[in-house]
Amino acid sequence: MAQLLFLDQGKKDMINLGSYLGISFALFICGILVMIARKNIIAILLGIELILNASALNFAAYTKFTNGNIDGHIMSLFIIVTAAAEAAVGLGIVIRFFQLRESIHIDDAATLQN
């Protein structure tokens, strides 16, 4: 029965470092494109989140495939905590901006200057 569950045990390491880096690169490019293409402040914050997640994935992948210590995972955790704090502060700013201007478009933020 156990042999039926693990027919391809020789291929258990099919996900290599290049696979992780490819996914991370795709996340990074999606984040950059969202930041460039959108005029919505919330969409720009989501693009920043995608970029931070791509960097956290890079740290975790390099840790898994290079030396196996915990440094990359600690750095990934730090990035995730920083991204959560950034999202909280950013959404607080967006809520206040919406209360003032009743809009969340980035072009309206230029009118805040005196």
N, C-alpha and C. Protein backbone atom coordinates (compact mmCIF):
# COMPACT_ATOMS: atom_id res chain seq x y z
N MET A 1 0.81 -1.19 0.00
CA MET A 1 0.00 0.00 0.00
C MET A 1 0.86 1.26 0.00
N ALA A 2 1.94 1.23 0.77
CA ALA A 2 2.81 2.40 0.83
C ALA A 2 3.51 2.64 -0.50
N GLN A 3 3.74 1.59 -1.28
CA GLN A 3 4.39 1.77 -2.57
C GLN A 3 3.46 2.46 -3.56
N LEU A 4 2.17 2.30 -3.41
CA LEU A 4 1.24 2.96 -4.30
C LEU A 4 1.21 4.47 -4.06
N LEU A 5 1.44 4.88 -2.84
CA LEU A 5 1.42 6.31 -2.52
C LEU A 5 2.67 7.03 -3.01
N PHE A 6 3.78 6.34 -3.04
CA PHE A 6 5.05 6.97 -3.41
C PHE A 6 5.66 6.25 -4.60
N LEU A 7 5.02 6.32 -5.75
CA LEU A 7 5.52 5.64 -6.94
C LEU A 7 6.78 6.30 -7.49
N ASP A 8 6.86 7.62 -7.38
CA ASP A 8 8.00 8.35 -7.95
C ASP A 8 8.90 8.89 -6.85
N GLN A 9 9.43 8.03 -6.02
CA GLN A 9 10.29 8.53 -4.95
C GLN A 9 11.61 9.06 -5.50
N GLY A 10 12.04 8.63 -6.63
CA GLY A 10 13.27 9.15 -7.22
C GLY A 10 13.12 10.58 -7.71
N LYS A 11 11.89 11.04 -7.91
CA LYS A 11 11.64 12.39 -8.41
C LYS A 11 11.06 13.31 -7.34
N LYS A 12 11.36 13.07 -6.10
CA LYS A 12 10.77 13.88 -5.04
C LYS A 12 11.37 15.28 -4.96
N ASP A 13 12.54 15.50 -5.53
CA ASP A 13 13.17 16.83 -5.51
C ASP A 13 13.03 17.52 -6.86
N MET A 14 11.85 17.49 -7.44
CA MET A 14 11.65 18.11 -8.74
C MET A 14 11.59 19.63 -8.65
N ILE A 15 11.28 20.15 -7.48
CA ILE A 15 11.26 21.60 -7.31
C ILE A 15 12.66 22.02 -6.87
N ASN A 16 13.36 22.71 -7.74
CA ASN A 16 14.71 23.16 -7.43
C ASN A 16 14.74 24.67 -7.20
N LEU A 17 15.91 25.20 -7.01
CA LEU A 17 16.05 26.63 -6.71
C LEU A 17 15.54 27.49 -7.87
N GLY A 18 15.76 27.04 -9.09
CA GLY A 18 15.28 27.81 -10.24
C GLY A 18 13.77 27.95 -10.28
N SER A 19 13.07 26.94 -9.81
CA SER A 19 11.60 27.03 -9.77
C SER A 19 11.16 28.10 -8.79
N TYR A 20 11.77 28.12 -7.62
CA TYR A 20 11.44 29.15 -6.63
C TYR A 20 11.78 30.54 -7.14
N LEU A 21 12.93 30.66 -7.78
CA LEU A 21 13.34 31.97 -8.28
C LEU A 21 12.44 32.42 -9.43
N GLY A 22 11.97 31.49 -10.24
CA GLY A 22 11.03 31.85 -11.32
C GLY A 22 9.72 32.37 -10.78
N ILE A 23 9.19 31.70 -9.76
CA ILE A 23 7.95 32.16 -9.14
C ILE A 23 8.16 33.52 -8.47
N SER A 24 9.30 33.68 -7.82
CA SER A 24 9.60 34.95 -7.16
C SER A 24 9.75 36.08 -8.19
N PHE A 25 10.38 35.78 -9.31
CA PHE A 25 10.53 36.78 -10.37
C PHE A 25 9.16 37.18 -10.93
N ALA A 26 8.27 36.19 -11.11
CA ALA A 26 6.93 36.49 -11.61
C ALA A 26 6.16 37.37 -10.62
N LEU A 27 6.28 37.07 -9.31
CA LEU A 27 5.64 37.92 -8.30
C LEU A 27 6.19 39.34 -8.32
N PHE A 28 7.51 39.45 -8.46
CA PHE A 28 8.14 40.76 -8.48
C PHE A 28 7.68 41.58 -9.69
N ILE A 29 7.65 40.95 -10.86
CA ILE A 29 7.23 41.66 -12.07
C ILE A 29 5.76 42.06 -11.98
N CYS A 30 4.92 41.18 -11.44
CA CYS A 30 3.51 41.53 -11.25
C CYS A 30 3.36 42.73 -10.31
N GLY A 31 4.15 42.76 -9.25
CA GLY A 31 4.12 43.89 -8.33
C GLY A 31 4.53 45.19 -8.98
N ILE A 32 5.59 45.13 -9.77
CA ILE A 32 6.05 46.34 -10.48
C ILE A 32 5.00 46.81 -11.48
N LEU A 33 4.41 45.87 -12.23
CA LEU A 33 3.39 46.25 -13.21
C LEU A 33 2.16 46.85 -12.55
N VAL A 34 1.76 46.30 -11.43
CA VAL A 34 0.60 46.86 -10.71
C VAL A 34 0.92 48.27 -10.23
N MET A 35 2.11 48.48 -9.72
CA MET A 35 2.47 49.81 -9.23
C MET A 35 2.53 50.84 -10.36
N ILE A 36 2.99 50.41 -11.53
CA ILE A 36 3.10 51.34 -12.65
C ILE A 36 1.75 51.60 -13.30
N ALA A 37 0.94 50.56 -13.46
CA ALA A 37 -0.27 50.67 -14.26
C ALA A 37 -1.46 51.26 -13.51
N ARG A 38 -1.52 51.13 -12.22
CA ARG A 38 -2.71 51.53 -11.47
C ARG A 38 -2.59 52.94 -10.93
N LYS A 39 -3.71 53.61 -10.85
CA LYS A 39 -3.78 54.94 -10.24
C LYS A 39 -4.47 54.89 -8.88
N ASN A 40 -4.82 53.70 -8.44
CA ASN A 40 -5.53 53.50 -7.18
C ASN A 40 -4.51 53.26 -6.07
N ILE A 41 -4.65 53.95 -4.96
CA ILE A 41 -3.67 53.84 -3.87
C ILE A 41 -3.67 52.43 -3.28
N ILE A 42 -4.83 51.81 -3.16
CA ILE A 42 -4.90 50.45 -2.60
C ILE A 42 -4.22 49.46 -3.52
N ALA A 43 -4.40 49.62 -4.83
CA ALA A 43 -3.72 48.73 -5.78
C ALA A 43 -2.21 48.90 -5.71
N ILE A 44 -1.75 50.12 -5.50
CA ILE A 44 -0.31 50.35 -5.37
C ILE A 44 0.22 49.68 -4.10
N LEU A 45 -0.53 49.74 -3.01
CA LEU A 45 -0.14 49.04 -1.79
C LEU A 45 -0.08 47.53 -2.01
N LEU A 46 -1.01 46.99 -2.78
CA LEU A 46 -0.98 45.56 -3.09
C LEU A 46 0.23 45.21 -3.94
N GLY A 47 0.63 46.10 -4.85
CA GLY A 47 1.84 45.87 -5.63
C GLY A 47 3.08 45.84 -4.76
N ILE A 48 3.13 46.70 -3.76
CA ILE A 48 4.25 46.69 -2.82
C ILE A 48 4.27 45.40 -2.03
N GLU A 49 3.08 44.91 -1.65
CA GLU A 49 3.00 43.63 -0.94
C GLU A 49 3.53 42.48 -1.80
N LEU A 50 3.21 42.49 -3.08
CA LEU A 50 3.72 41.45 -3.98
C LEU A 50 5.24 41.48 -4.07
N ILE A 51 5.81 42.66 -4.12
CA ILE A 51 7.27 42.78 -4.19
C ILE A 51 7.90 42.28 -2.90
N LEU A 52 7.33 42.62 -1.76
CA LEU A 52 7.88 42.15 -0.49
C LEU A 52 7.75 40.63 -0.35
N ASN A 53 6.64 40.06 -0.83
CA ASN A 53 6.49 38.61 -0.78
C ASN A 53 7.49 37.91 -1.70
N ALA A 54 7.80 38.52 -2.83
CA ALA A 54 8.81 37.94 -3.72
C ALA A 54 10.17 37.91 -3.05
N SER A 55 10.51 38.97 -2.33
CA SER A 55 11.81 38.97 -1.65
C SER A 55 11.83 37.97 -0.50
N ALA A 56 10.72 37.81 0.21
CA ALA A 56 10.66 36.81 1.29
C ALA A 56 10.80 35.40 0.73
N LEU A 57 10.20 35.14 -0.42
CA LEU A 57 10.33 33.83 -1.06
C LEU A 57 11.78 33.57 -1.48
N ASN A 58 12.46 34.60 -1.96
CA ASN A 58 13.88 34.45 -2.31
C ASN A 58 14.72 34.06 -1.10
N PHE A 59 14.52 34.74 0.01
CA PHE A 59 15.29 34.42 1.21
C PHE A 59 15.04 32.99 1.67
N ALA A 60 13.78 32.58 1.67
CA ALA A 60 13.45 31.23 2.12
C ALA A 60 14.01 30.18 1.16
N ALA A 61 13.96 30.44 -0.14
CA ALA A 61 14.47 29.48 -1.12
C ALA A 61 15.98 29.34 -1.03
N TYR A 62 16.69 30.45 -0.93
CA TYR A 62 18.15 30.37 -0.82
C TYR A 62 18.57 29.67 0.46
N THR A 63 17.82 29.88 1.52
CA THR A 63 18.14 29.18 2.77
C THR A 63 17.95 27.68 2.63
N LYS A 64 16.89 27.28 1.96
CA LYS A 64 16.61 25.85 1.80
C LYS A 64 17.67 25.16 0.96
N PHE A 65 18.14 25.81 -0.10
CA PHE A 65 19.02 25.14 -1.05
C PHE A 65 20.51 25.40 -0.85
N THR A 66 20.90 26.39 -0.06
CA THR A 66 22.33 26.66 0.08
C THR A 66 22.91 26.04 1.34
N ASN A 67 22.63 26.61 2.48
CA ASN A 67 23.30 26.13 3.69
C ASN A 67 22.36 25.50 4.71
N GLY A 68 21.08 25.69 4.58
CA GLY A 68 20.12 25.03 5.45
C GLY A 68 20.00 25.62 6.85
N ASN A 69 20.61 26.76 7.12
CA ASN A 69 20.41 27.35 8.45
C ASN A 69 19.11 28.15 8.47
N ILE A 70 18.86 28.83 9.54
CA ILE A 70 17.56 29.47 9.75
C ILE A 70 17.60 30.98 9.45
N ASP A 71 18.72 31.50 9.01
CA ASP A 71 18.86 32.94 8.80
C ASP A 71 17.87 33.48 7.77
N GLY A 72 17.71 32.78 6.65
CA GLY A 72 16.78 33.24 5.62
C GLY A 72 15.34 33.22 6.07
N HIS A 73 14.99 32.24 6.88
CA HIS A 73 13.62 32.17 7.39
C HIS A 73 13.35 33.30 8.37
N ILE A 74 14.33 33.64 9.16
CA ILE A 74 14.17 34.78 10.08
C ILE A 74 14.02 36.08 9.30
N MET A 75 14.81 36.23 8.23
CA MET A 75 14.70 37.42 7.39
C MET A 75 13.33 37.47 6.70
N SER A 76 12.84 36.31 6.25
CA SER A 76 11.51 36.25 5.64
C SER A 76 10.43 36.65 6.63
N LEU A 77 10.54 36.18 7.85
CA LEU A 77 9.59 36.55 8.89
C LEU A 77 9.64 38.05 9.16
N PHE A 78 10.84 38.62 9.19
CA PHE A 78 10.99 40.06 9.38
C PHE A 78 10.33 40.83 8.23
N ILE A 79 10.48 40.34 7.00
CA ILE A 79 9.87 41.00 5.84
C ILE A 79 8.35 40.93 5.94
N ILE A 80 7.81 39.78 6.36
CA ILE A 80 6.36 39.63 6.48
C ILE A 80 5.80 40.56 7.55
N VAL A 81 6.51 40.68 8.68
CA VAL A 81 6.06 41.59 9.74
C VAL A 81 6.13 43.04 9.27
N THR A 82 7.18 43.39 8.56
CA THR A 82 7.31 44.74 8.02
C THR A 82 6.20 45.03 7.01
N ALA A 83 5.87 44.05 6.18
CA ALA A 83 4.80 44.23 5.20
C ALA A 83 3.45 44.41 5.88
N ALA A 84 3.22 43.69 6.97
CA ALA A 84 1.97 43.85 7.70
C ALA A 84 1.87 45.25 8.32
N ALA A 85 2.97 45.72 8.87
CA ALA A 85 2.98 47.07 9.45
C ALA A 85 2.78 48.12 8.36
N GLU A 86 3.40 47.90 7.22
CA GLU A 86 3.25 48.83 6.09
C GLU A 86 1.81 48.86 5.62
N ALA A 87 1.17 47.71 5.57
CA ALA A 87 -0.23 47.65 5.14
C ALA A 87 -1.14 48.37 6.13
N ALA A 88 -0.89 48.20 7.42
CA ALA A 88 -1.72 48.85 8.43
C ALA A 88 -1.57 50.37 8.36
N VAL A 89 -0.35 50.85 8.28
CA VAL A 89 -0.13 52.30 8.20
C VAL A 89 -0.65 52.85 6.88
N GLY A 90 -0.41 52.12 5.80
CA GLY A 90 -0.88 52.57 4.49
C GLY A 90 -2.39 52.65 4.41
N LEU A 91 -3.07 51.65 4.96
CA LEU A 91 -4.53 51.70 4.93
C LEU A 91 -5.08 52.79 5.84
N GLY A 92 -4.38 53.08 6.93
CA GLY A 92 -4.78 54.21 7.77
C GLY A 92 -4.67 55.53 7.01
N ILE A 93 -3.61 55.69 6.26
CA ILE A 93 -3.44 56.90 5.44
C ILE A 93 -4.50 56.97 4.36
N VAL A 94 -4.81 55.84 3.75
CA VAL A 94 -5.82 55.80 2.69
C VAL A 94 -7.20 56.16 3.25
N ILE A 95 -7.52 55.66 4.42
CA ILE A 95 -8.82 55.99 5.03
C ILE A 95 -8.92 57.49 5.30
N ARG A 96 -7.86 58.06 5.85
CA ARG A 96 -7.87 59.52 6.12
C ARG A 96 -7.91 60.31 4.82
N PHE A 97 -7.19 59.86 3.81
CA PHE A 97 -7.20 60.54 2.51
C PHE A 97 -8.60 60.48 1.90
N PHE A 98 -9.27 59.35 2.03
CA PHE A 98 -10.63 59.22 1.50
C PHE A 98 -11.60 60.13 2.26
N GLN A 99 -11.38 60.29 3.56
CA GLN A 99 -12.25 61.19 4.33
C GLN A 99 -12.08 62.63 3.88
N LEU A 100 -10.85 63.01 3.49
CA LEU A 100 -10.60 64.38 3.07
C LEU A 100 -11.04 64.65 1.63
N ARG A 101 -10.72 63.74 0.71
CA ARG A 101 -10.93 63.99 -0.72
C ARG A 101 -12.05 63.17 -1.35
N GLU A 102 -12.58 62.17 -0.66
CA GLU A 102 -13.58 61.25 -1.18
C GLU A 102 -13.12 60.59 -2.47
N SER A 103 -11.85 60.28 -2.53
CA SER A 103 -11.26 59.62 -3.68
C SER A 103 -10.01 58.88 -3.21
N ILE A 104 -9.66 57.79 -3.90
CA ILE A 104 -8.41 57.09 -3.56
C ILE A 104 -7.48 57.02 -4.76
N HIS A 105 -7.63 57.97 -5.69
CA HIS A 105 -6.74 58.01 -6.84
C HIS A 105 -5.48 58.77 -6.48
N ILE A 106 -4.37 58.29 -7.01
CA ILE A 106 -3.07 58.86 -6.67
C ILE A 106 -2.90 60.27 -7.23
N ASP A 107 -3.63 60.60 -8.31
CA ASP A 107 -3.51 61.95 -8.88
C ASP A 107 -4.08 63.01 -7.95
N ASP A 108 -5.05 62.62 -7.13
CA ASP A 108 -5.63 63.58 -6.19
C ASP A 108 -4.71 63.87 -5.01
N ALA A 109 -3.70 63.07 -4.80
CA ALA A 109 -2.79 63.30 -3.70
C ALA A 109 -1.88 64.50 -3.95
N ALA A 110 -1.70 64.87 -5.21
CA ALA A 110 -0.87 66.04 -5.53
C ALA A 110 -1.53 67.32 -5.06
N THR A 111 -2.85 67.32 -4.88
CA THR A 111 -3.54 68.52 -4.44
C THR A 111 -3.43 68.75 -2.95
N LEU A 112 -2.81 67.84 -2.21
CA LEU A 112 -2.65 68.01 -0.77
C LEU A 112 -1.55 68.99 -0.42
N GLN A 113 -0.69 69.29 -1.37
CA GLN A 113 0.40 70.22 -1.10
C GLN A 113 -0.14 71.64 -1.04
N ASN A 114 0.39 72.42 -0.10
CA ASN A 114 -0.05 73.81 0.04
C ASN A 114 0.80 74.73 -0.77
